[in-house]
Amino acid sequence: MIKVSVMYPYTSGARFDHEYYRDKHMPMVKRLMGDSCLNYTVDKGLSGGAPDSPAPYVAMCHIFSESLEAFQTGFGPHAKEILADIANYTDITPVRQISEVVVG
């Protein structure tokens, strides 16, 4: 199993609409990807490691898929539509990572 993490770094003055991300963007991703997206989670950053420090990321999502190939099959045909929707909820450039899940 793989996990695709999309992380939005904290940037002072940046815009991020958590409700849109949670209620519209991620359900759209799941709908478009179908069974290639087994599950997803959405995180909202609260704090950094030091007291009163901002979270390193204001938000993240983690998309779980059986394999890299399954993810690419589900995401690829819809990439343009999914990526175009980013402007509707943020002006932050996301950081992406694909990981193998070794403990679940």
Protein backbone atom coordinates (compact mmCIF):
# COMPACT_ATOMS: atom_id res chain seq x y z
CA MET A 1 0.00 0.00 0.00
CA ILE A 2 1.15 3.55 -0.67
CA LYS A 3 0.27 6.89 0.84
CA VAL A 4 0.35 10.11 -1.14
CA SER A 5 0.82 13.06 1.22
CA VAL A 6 0.03 16.57 0.06
CA MET A 7 1.24 19.14 2.60
CA TYR A 8 0.66 22.89 2.64
CA PRO A 9 3.54 24.68 4.42
CA TYR A 10 2.71 27.44 6.89
CA THR A 11 3.31 30.79 5.24
CA SER A 12 2.54 34.04 7.04
CA GLY A 13 -0.36 35.82 5.32
CA ALA A 14 -1.23 32.88 3.08
CA ARG A 15 -4.83 31.89 2.39
CA PHE A 16 -6.23 28.42 3.14
CA ASP A 17 -9.96 27.61 3.26
CA HIS A 18 -10.13 24.49 5.44
CA GLU A 19 -13.88 24.04 4.96
CA TYR A 20 -13.61 24.08 1.17
CA TYR A 21 -10.70 21.65 1.29
CA ARG A 22 -12.51 19.24 3.62
CA ASP A 23 -16.03 19.52 2.18
CA LYS A 24 -15.44 20.04 -1.56
CA HIS A 25 -11.91 19.44 -2.79
CA MET A 26 -11.10 16.13 -1.14
CA PRO A 27 -14.54 14.56 -1.80
CA MET A 28 -14.07 15.59 -5.45
CA VAL A 29 -10.66 13.88 -5.51
CA LYS A 30 -12.18 10.69 -4.07
CA ARG A 31 -15.08 10.78 -6.52
CA LEU A 32 -12.81 11.27 -9.53
CA MET A 33 -10.28 8.64 -8.43
CA GLY A 34 -12.93 6.07 -7.54
CA ASP A 35 -11.58 2.78 -6.23
CA SER A 36 -7.98 3.94 -6.83
CA CYS A 37 -8.41 6.01 -3.66
CA LEU A 38 -9.00 3.47 -0.92
CA ASN A 39 -9.28 6.12 1.76
CA TYR A 40 -8.04 9.59 2.60
CA THR A 41 -7.48 11.71 5.67
CA VAL A 42 -7.37 15.48 6.12
CA ASP A 43 -5.27 17.17 8.82
CA LYS A 44 -5.48 20.77 10.03
CA GLY A 45 -2.24 22.02 11.61
CA LEU A 46 -2.57 23.29 15.18
CA SER A 47 0.92 23.94 16.52
CA GLY A 48 4.61 23.34 16.06
CA GLY A 49 6.82 21.51 18.53
CA ALA A 50 7.64 24.59 20.60
CA PRO A 51 5.00 26.36 22.71
CA ASP A 52 3.10 29.02 20.76
CA SER A 53 4.83 28.17 17.48
CA PRO A 54 2.82 27.78 14.27
CA ALA A 55 2.36 24.34 12.78
CA PRO A 56 4.90 23.64 10.02
CA TYR A 57 1.94 22.79 7.75
CA VAL A 58 -1.47 24.48 7.82
CA ALA A 59 -3.08 21.42 6.26
CA MET A 60 -2.33 18.00 4.81
CA CYS A 61 -4.12 15.19 3.12
CA HIS A 62 -3.06 11.59 2.82
CA ILE A 63 -4.49 9.48 0.01
CA PHE A 64 -4.13 5.71 0.34
CA SER A 65 -3.91 3.48 -2.72
CA GLU A 66 -3.01 -0.17 -3.35
CA SER A 67 0.07 0.75 -5.40
CA LEU A 68 1.79 3.62 -7.17
CA GLU A 69 0.37 2.33 -10.44
CA ALA A 70 -3.17 2.26 -9.03
CA PHE A 71 -2.77 5.84 -7.79
CA GLN A 72 -1.43 7.03 -11.15
CA THR A 73 -4.26 5.27 -12.98
CA GLY A 74 -6.88 6.98 -10.81
CA PHE A 75 -5.25 10.41 -10.56
CA GLY A 76 -3.67 10.86 -13.98
CA PRO A 77 -6.79 11.28 -16.12
CA HIS A 78 -8.15 13.87 -13.66
CA ALA A 79 -4.92 15.65 -12.70
CA LYS A 80 -5.74 18.82 -14.63
CA GLU A 81 -9.16 19.22 -12.96
CA ILE A 82 -7.85 18.37 -9.48
CA LEU A 83 -4.86 20.70 -9.71
CA ALA A 84 -6.96 23.54 -11.15
CA ASP A 85 -9.18 23.39 -8.05
CA ILE A 86 -6.28 24.29 -5.72
CA ALA A 87 -6.80 28.01 -6.45
CA ASN A 88 -10.29 27.74 -4.93
CA TYR A 89 -8.92 27.09 -1.44
CA THR A 90 -5.31 28.28 -1.20
CA ASP A 91 -2.45 30.30 -2.58
CA ILE A 92 0.14 27.96 -0.99
CA THR A 93 2.20 25.69 -3.22
CA PRO A 94 1.83 22.16 -1.84
CA VAL A 95 4.66 19.75 -1.07
CA ARG A 96 3.98 16.18 -2.20
CA GLN A 97 5.46 12.88 -1.07
CA ILE A 98 4.65 9.31 -1.99
CA SER A 99 5.49 6.73 0.67
CA GLU A 100 5.20 3.01 1.09
CA VAL A 101 3.09 2.18 4.14
CA VAL A 102 5.15 -0.33 6.13
CA VAL A 103 2.95 -0.41 9.26
CA GLY A 104 -0.76 0.25 9.09
